[in-house]
């Protein structure tokens, strides 16, 4: 007799996107509100996608490199990982000439936007005691994908009403 696998508890993530490239509005307007999360070129962020993220995980859709950076929407992980084709496209800003086609370095997964929220900026996030250890608030953290603890997710959901 084999034991059935116990589903793991949901995990949560903060995923940064520059709104000029893909905003929460763009994601909501996409077919099935789903966009491929291309262009991840950091090994730790790639490893989060490959090893830890699963379909159904919650996502804080964060706008970065813009006049008002912050959480701009809610989404969910909508697929497992697959090869990111932008690494092989010389015209792409994410082209990686050192990534071999037979063993690609870079992956993507699909993210499905669920709703736009008011922008929750860094200053507001810093005001909340339950978010003091949140990775996006730590000095020097520039990762495009970071884990969000359940207590942090709950605090942000409360902030958003």
C-alpha atoms as a PDB file:
ATOM      1  CA  UNK A   1       0.000   0.000   0.000  1.00  0.00           C
ATOM      2  CA  UNK A   2       1.390   3.396  -0.943  1.00  0.00           C
ATOM      3  CA  UNK A   3       0.889   6.506   1.093  1.00  0.00           C
ATOM      4  CA  UNK A   4      -0.819   9.333  -0.708  1.00  0.00           C
ATOM      5  CA  UNK A   5       1.101  12.553  -0.980  1.00  0.00           C
ATOM      6  CA  UNK A   6      -0.041  15.246   1.395  1.00  0.00           C
ATOM      7  CA  UNK A   7      -0.546  18.543  -0.373  1.00  0.00           C
ATOM      8  CA  UNK A   8       1.813  21.209   0.892  1.00  0.00           C
ATOM      9  CA  UNK A   9       0.442  24.424   2.324  1.00  0.00           C
ATOM     10  CA  UNK A  10       0.117  27.330  -0.069  1.00  0.00           C
ATOM     11  CA  UNK A  11       3.165  29.520  -0.509  1.00  0.00           C
ATOM     12  CA  UNK A  12       3.313  33.170  -1.356  1.00  0.00           C
ATOM     13  CA  UNK A  13       5.649  35.243  -3.510  1.00  0.00           C
ATOM     14  CA  UNK A  14       6.402  38.829  -4.428  1.00  0.00           C
ATOM     15  CA  UNK A  15       7.197  39.155  -8.130  1.00  0.00           C
ATOM     16  CA  UNK A  16       8.560  42.422  -9.521  1.00  0.00           C
ATOM     17  CA  UNK A  17       7.780  43.710 -12.986  1.00  0.00           C
ATOM     18  CA  UNK A  18       8.517  47.023 -14.602  1.00  0.00           C
ATOM     19  CA  UNK A  19       5.108  48.398 -15.633  1.00  0.00           C
ATOM     20  CA  UNK A  20       6.467  49.533 -19.026  1.00  0.00           C
ATOM     21  CA  UNK A  21       7.217  45.873 -19.724  1.00  0.00           C
ATOM     22  CA  UNK A  22       4.225  44.180 -18.059  1.00  0.00           C
ATOM     23  CA  UNK A  23       1.908  45.976 -15.664  1.00  0.00           C
ATOM     24  CA  UNK A  24      -0.945  44.500 -13.665  1.00  0.00           C
ATOM     25  CA  UNK A  25      -3.256  46.118 -16.253  1.00  0.00           C
ATOM     26  CA  UNK A  26      -1.370  44.358 -19.071  1.00  0.00           C
ATOM     27  CA  UNK A  27      -1.626  41.042 -17.235  1.00  0.00           C
ATOM     28  CA  UNK A  28      -5.353  41.473 -16.600  1.00  0.00           C
ATOM     29  CA  UNK A  29      -5.883  42.276 -20.310  1.00  0.00           C
ATOM     30  CA  UNK A  30      -3.945  39.203 -21.506  1.00  0.00           C
ATOM     31  CA  UNK A  31      -5.812  36.062 -22.618  1.00  0.00           C
ATOM     32  CA  UNK A  32      -7.060  34.322 -19.471  1.00  0.00           C
ATOM     33  CA  UNK A  33      -5.273  37.147 -17.576  1.00  0.00           C
ATOM     34  CA  UNK A  34      -2.134  34.999 -17.868  1.00  0.00           C
ATOM     35  CA  UNK A  35       1.365  36.167 -18.807  1.00  0.00           C
ATOM     36  CA  UNK A  36       4.662  34.296 -19.139  1.00  0.00           C
ATOM     37  CA  UNK A  37       7.150  35.607 -16.550  1.00  0.00           C
ATOM     38  CA  UNK A  38      10.130  36.028 -18.855  1.00  0.00           C
ATOM     39  CA  UNK A  39      13.484  37.672 -18.334  1.00  0.00           C
ATOM     40  CA  UNK A  40      14.473  36.292 -14.926  1.00  0.00           C
ATOM     41  CA  UNK A  41      18.283  36.421 -15.045  1.00  0.00           C
ATOM     42  CA  UNK A  42      19.230  35.796 -11.436  1.00  0.00           C
ATOM     43  CA  UNK A  43      20.014  32.247 -10.346  1.00  0.00           C
ATOM     44  CA  UNK A  44      18.355  32.548  -6.935  1.00  0.00           C
ATOM     45  CA  UNK A  45      15.114  33.889  -8.450  1.00  0.00           C
ATOM     46  CA  UNK A  46      15.263  31.184 -11.141  1.00  0.00           C
ATOM     47  CA  UNK A  47      15.733  28.544  -8.448  1.00  0.00           C
ATOM     48  CA  UNK A  48      12.682  29.816  -6.552  1.00  0.00           C
ATOM     49  CA  UNK A  49      10.649  29.301  -9.738  1.00  0.00           C
ATOM     50  CA  UNK A  50      12.167  25.910 -10.503  1.00  0.00           C
ATOM     51  CA  UNK A  51      12.304  24.398  -7.028  1.00  0.00           C
ATOM     52  CA  UNK A  52       9.714  26.081  -4.834  1.00  0.00           C
ATOM     53  CA  UNK A  53       6.887  27.714  -6.765  1.00  0.00           C
ATOM     54  CA  UNK A  54       3.836  25.629  -7.576  1.00  0.00           C
ATOM     55  CA  UNK A  55       0.583  26.175  -9.418  1.00  0.00           C
ATOM     56  CA  UNK A  56      -1.853  27.984  -7.150  1.00  0.00           C
ATOM     57  CA  UNK A  57       0.720  29.822  -5.038  1.00  0.00           C
ATOM     58  CA  UNK A  58      -0.253  33.418  -4.282  1.00  0.00           C
ATOM     59  CA  UNK A  59       1.618  36.297  -5.910  1.00  0.00           C
ATOM     60  CA  UNK A  60       1.955  39.937  -4.952  1.00  0.00           C
ATOM     61  CA  UNK A  61       2.336  41.657  -8.336  1.00  0.00           C
ATOM     62  CA  UNK A  62       4.849  44.420  -7.658  1.00  0.00           C
ATOM     63  CA  UNK A  63       5.607  47.368  -9.956  1.00  0.00           C
ATOM     64  CA  UNK A  64       9.302  48.333  -9.864  1.00  0.00           C
ATOM     65  CA  UNK A  65      11.495  50.950 -11.540  1.00  0.00           C
ATOM     66  CA  UNK A  66       8.596  53.382 -11.829  1.00  0.00           C
ATOM     67  CA  UNK A  67       7.458  56.633 -10.175  1.00  0.00           C
ATOM     68  CA  UNK A  68       5.401  54.768  -7.528  1.00  0.00           C
ATOM     69  CA  UNK A  69       6.911  51.320  -6.855  1.00  0.00           C
ATOM     70  CA  UNK A  70       4.829  48.915  -4.821  1.00  0.00           C
ATOM     71  CA  UNK A  71       2.324  46.104  -4.776  1.00  0.00           C
ATOM     72  CA  UNK A  72      -0.169  46.835  -7.554  1.00  0.00           C
ATOM     73  CA  UNK A  73      -2.163  43.616  -7.777  1.00  0.00           C
ATOM     74  CA  UNK A  74      -2.747  40.029  -6.793  1.00  0.00           C
ATOM     75  CA  UNK A  75      -2.033  37.004  -8.938  1.00  0.00           C
ATOM     76  CA  UNK A  76      -1.324  33.310  -8.731  1.00  0.00           C
ATOM     77  CA  UNK A  77       1.224  30.935 -10.199  1.00  0.00           C
ATOM     78  CA  UNK A  78      -0.573  29.378 -13.176  1.00  0.00           C
ATOM     79  CA  UNK A  79       1.965  26.858 -14.540  1.00  0.00           C
ATOM     80  CA  UNK A  80       5.116  24.978 -13.823  1.00  0.00           C
ATOM     81  CA  UNK A  81       8.400  26.104 -15.315  1.00  0.00           C
ATOM     82  CA  UNK A  82       9.563  25.769 -18.882  1.00  0.00           C
ATOM     83  CA  UNK A  83      12.399  27.176 -20.972  1.00  0.00           C
ATOM     84  CA  UNK A  84      12.398  30.963 -21.373  1.00  0.00           C
ATOM     85  CA  UNK A  85      12.771  31.511 -25.138  1.00  0.00           C
ATOM     86  CA  UNK A  86      14.002  35.109 -24.716  1.00  0.00           C
ATOM     87  CA  UNK A  87      17.451  33.792 -23.773  1.00  0.00           C
ATOM     88  CA  UNK A  88      17.893  32.570 -27.365  1.00  0.00           C
ATOM     89  CA  UNK A  89      16.565  35.699 -29.141  1.00  0.00           C
ATOM     90  CA  UNK A  90      19.418  38.076 -30.064  1.00  0.00           C
ATOM     91  CA  UNK A  91      16.974  40.995 -30.360  1.00  0.00           C
ATOM     92  CA  UNK A  92      15.683  40.455 -26.808  1.00  0.00           C
ATOM     93  CA  UNK A  93      17.077  42.457 -23.897  1.00  0.00           C
ATOM     94  CA  UNK A  94      17.150  39.084 -22.099  1.00  0.00           C
ATOM     95  CA  UNK A  95      19.329  37.359 -24.701  1.00  0.00           C
ATOM     96  CA  UNK A  96      22.021  35.179 -23.121  1.00  0.00           C
ATOM     97  CA  UNK A  97      24.580  34.027 -25.702  1.00  0.00           C
ATOM     98  CA  UNK A  98      26.144  31.722 -23.084  1.00  0.00           C
ATOM     99  CA  UNK A  99      22.957  29.734 -22.510  1.00  0.00           C
ATOM    100  CA  UNK A 100      23.192  26.476 -24.497  1.00  0.00           C
ATOM    101  CA  UNK A 101      20.053  25.425 -26.380  1.00  0.00           C
ATOM    102  CA  UNK A 102      20.491  21.816 -25.243  1.00  0.00           C
ATOM    103  CA  UNK A 103      20.737  22.839 -21.554  1.00  0.00           C
ATOM    104  CA  UNK A 104      19.063  26.239 -21.111  1.00  0.00           C
ATOM    105  CA  UNK A 105      19.925  28.299 -18.044  1.00  0.00           C
ATOM    106  CA  UNK A 106      16.742  30.333 -17.781  1.00  0.00           C
ATOM    107  CA  UNK A 107      13.138  29.361 -17.101  1.00  0.00           C
ATOM    108  CA  UNK A 108       9.760  31.018 -16.964  1.00  0.00           C
ATOM    109  CA  UNK A 109       6.382  30.211 -15.532  1.00  0.00           C
ATOM    110  CA  UNK A 110       2.948  31.650 -16.146  1.00  0.00           C
ATOM    111  CA  UNK A 111       1.360  34.111 -13.752  1.00  0.00           C
ATOM    112  CA  UNK A 112      -2.386  34.709 -13.772  1.00  0.00           C
ATOM    113  CA  UNK A 113      -3.492  38.147 -12.601  1.00  0.00           C
ATOM    114  CA  UNK A 114      -6.487  38.049 -10.294  1.00  0.00           C
ATOM    115  CA  UNK A 115      -7.114  41.693  -9.468  1.00  0.00           C
ATOM    116  CA  UNK A 116      -5.630  45.135  -9.432  1.00  0.00           C
ATOM    117  CA  UNK A 117      -5.215  46.725  -6.010  1.00  0.00           C
ATOM    118  CA  UNK A 118      -4.350  50.165  -4.803  1.00  0.00           C
ATOM    119  CA  UNK A 119      -0.579  50.624  -4.830  1.00  0.00           C
ATOM    120  CA  UNK A 120       0.958  49.642  -1.508  1.00  0.00           C
ATOM    121  CA  UNK A 121       4.348  51.337  -1.546  1.00  0.00           C
ATOM    122  CA  UNK A 122       7.506  50.649   0.411  1.00  0.00           C
ATOM    123  CA  UNK A 123       6.846  53.416   2.951  1.00  0.00           C
ATOM    124  CA  UNK A 124       3.458  51.925   3.842  1.00  0.00           C
ATOM    125  CA  UNK A 125       4.899  48.408   4.000  1.00  0.00           C
ATOM    126  CA  UNK A 126       7.627  49.629   6.378  1.00  0.00           C
ATOM    127  CA  UNK A 127       4.991  51.052   8.757  1.00  0.00           C
ATOM    128  CA  UNK A 128       3.517  47.615   9.471  1.00  0.00           C
ATOM    129  CA  UNK A 129       5.292  45.696  12.296  1.00  0.00           C
ATOM    130  CA  UNK A 130       4.387  42.255  10.844  1.00  0.00           C
ATOM    131  CA  UNK A 131       6.324  43.159   7.680  1.00  0.00           C
ATOM    132  CA  UNK A 132       9.614  44.182   9.329  1.00  0.00           C
ATOM    133  CA  UNK A 133      11.411  41.072   8.024  1.00  0.00           C
ATOM    134  CA  UNK A 134       9.829  41.069   4.564  1.00  0.00           C
ATOM    135  CA  UNK A 135      12.573  40.456   2.000  1.00  0.00           C
ATOM    136  CA  UNK A 136      11.584  43.315  -0.312  1.00  0.00           C
ATOM    137  CA  UNK A 137      12.188  45.700   2.609  1.00  0.00           C
ATOM    138  CA  UNK A 138      15.676  44.430   3.435  1.00  0.00           C
ATOM    139  CA  UNK A 139      18.632  46.592   2.550  1.00  0.00           C
ATOM    140  CA  UNK A 140      20.330  45.576  -0.700  1.00  0.00           C
ATOM    141  CA  UNK A 141      17.603  43.157  -1.779  1.00  0.00           C
ATOM    142  CA  UNK A 142      17.110  43.479  -5.521  1.00  0.00           C
ATOM    143  CA  UNK A 143      15.718  40.038  -6.340  1.00  0.00           C
ATOM    144  CA  UNK A 144      12.794  40.054  -8.769  1.00  0.00           C
ATOM    145  CA  UNK A 145      11.144  37.116  -6.974  1.00  0.00           C
ATOM    146  CA  UNK A 146      11.109  36.691  -3.203  1.00  0.00           C
ATOM    147  CA  UNK A 147       9.187  34.460  -0.823  1.00  0.00           C
ATOM    148  CA  UNK A 148       6.482  36.054   1.313  1.00  0.00           C
ATOM    149  CA  UNK A 149       5.761  34.505   4.709  1.00  0.00           C
ATOM    150  CA  UNK A 150       2.123  33.595   5.524  1.00  0.00           C
ATOM    151  CA  UNK A 151       1.997  36.239   8.294  1.00  0.00           C
ATOM    152  CA  UNK A 152       3.241  38.852   5.778  1.00  0.00           C
ATOM    153  CA  UNK A 153       0.641  37.753   3.202  1.00  0.00           C
ATOM    154  CA  UNK A 154      -2.115  37.981   5.844  1.00  0.00           C
ATOM    155  CA  UNK A 155      -0.968  41.477   6.897  1.00  0.00           C
ATOM    156  CA  UNK A 156      -0.976  42.704   3.300  1.00  0.00           C
ATOM    157  CA  UNK A 157      -4.405  41.170   2.642  1.00  0.00           C
ATOM    158  CA  UNK A 158      -5.660  43.037   5.728  1.00  0.00           C
ATOM    159  CA  UNK A 159      -4.085  46.281   4.454  1.00  0.00           C
ATOM    160  CA  UNK A 160      -5.852  45.802   1.127  1.00  0.00           C
ATOM    161  CA  UNK A 161      -9.204  45.150   2.830  1.00  0.00           C
END
